Amino acid sequence: MAMPLNILEKSVSKRVSVMLKDGRSLEGKLAGFDEYMNMVLEETEETKEQQTRRLGTVILRGNNLVAIVPK
């Protein structure tokens, strides 16, 4: 079984897609993370209800994440 932090470590500097508890989806380049799965994404785009907008660099708290998908 793959451990989540190992997968995130392999995904640093690569694009990941993240689903948040409030239904938004974010996609960006993973710049860093910690043991609580807090993350920093760069070049981030947010998608919600068929609308997309650019956010740039964002910091996400791990307790707001539902799913993380490496690209």
Protein backbone atom coordinates (compact mmCIF):
# COMPACT_ATOMS: atom_id res chain seq x y z
CA MET A 1 0.00 0.00 0.00
CA ALA A 2 1.29 3.44 -0.92
CA MET A 3 1.72 5.91 1.93
CA PRO A 4 0.26 9.39 1.24
CA LEU A 5 3.34 11.33 2.37
CA ASN A 6 5.58 9.19 0.13
CA ILE A 7 3.37 9.95 -2.86
CA LEU A 8 3.43 13.66 -2.04
CA GLU A 9 7.22 13.60 -1.73
CA LYS A 10 7.49 12.13 -5.23
CA SER A 11 5.06 14.81 -6.50
CA VAL A 12 7.04 17.88 -5.35
CA SER A 13 7.62 20.22 -8.34
CA LYS A 14 4.95 18.32 -10.32
CA ARG A 15 1.31 19.18 -10.96
CA VAL A 16 -1.35 17.86 -8.58
CA SER A 17 -5.11 18.18 -8.49
CA VAL A 18 -6.77 18.75 -5.11
CA MET A 19 -10.46 18.56 -4.14
CA LEU A 20 -11.55 20.66 -1.16
CA LYS A 21 -14.38 20.05 1.31
CA ASP A 22 -16.40 22.95 -0.11
CA GLY A 23 -16.54 21.38 -3.58
CA ARG A 24 -13.79 23.43 -5.25
CA SER A 25 -11.01 21.80 -7.24
CA LEU A 26 -7.52 23.25 -7.39
CA GLU A 27 -4.72 22.28 -9.75
CA GLY A 28 -1.17 23.52 -9.40
CA LYS A 29 2.48 22.69 -8.97
CA LEU A 30 3.26 21.25 -5.53
CA ALA A 31 5.95 23.46 -3.99
CA GLY A 32 5.97 21.85 -0.54
CA PHE A 33 4.03 20.10 2.23
CA ASP A 34 4.36 19.00 5.85
CA GLU A 35 3.36 15.99 7.97
CA TYR A 36 -0.16 17.43 8.45
CA MET A 37 -0.60 17.53 4.65
CA ASN A 38 -0.64 21.33 4.62
CA MET A 39 0.50 22.28 1.12
CA VAL A 40 1.85 25.12 -0.95
CA LEU A 41 0.72 25.11 -4.60
CA GLU A 42 2.14 27.41 -7.26
CA GLU A 43 0.59 28.40 -10.60
CA THR A 44 -2.76 27.33 -9.15
CA GLU A 45 -6.10 27.32 -10.98
CA GLU A 46 -9.43 26.97 -9.17
CA THR A 47 -12.45 25.27 -10.75
CA LYS A 48 -15.93 25.58 -9.26
CA GLU A 49 -19.20 25.00 -11.10
CA GLN A 50 -17.67 25.09 -14.60
CA GLN A 51 -15.79 28.37 -13.88
CA THR A 52 -11.99 28.56 -13.78
CA ARG A 53 -9.80 31.30 -12.35
CA ARG A 54 -6.08 31.70 -11.72
CA LEU A 55 -4.98 32.09 -8.11
CA GLY A 56 -1.18 31.95 -8.31
CA THR A 57 0.48 30.68 -5.11
CA VAL A 58 -1.83 29.29 -2.40
CA ILE A 59 -1.37 27.67 1.00
CA LEU A 60 -3.83 24.88 1.86
CA ARG A 61 -4.56 23.45 5.29
CA GLY A 62 -4.52 19.68 5.31
CA ASN A 63 -7.86 19.38 7.12
CA ASN A 64 -9.67 21.04 4.16
CA LEU A 65 -8.52 18.39 1.66
CA VAL A 66 -10.75 15.57 0.45
CA ALA A 67 -8.56 14.12 -2.33
CA ILE A 68 -5.13 14.66 -3.87
CA VAL A 69 -4.35 13.33 -7.36
CA PRO A 70 -0.79 13.52 -8.81
CA LYS A 71 -0.76 14.31 -12.53
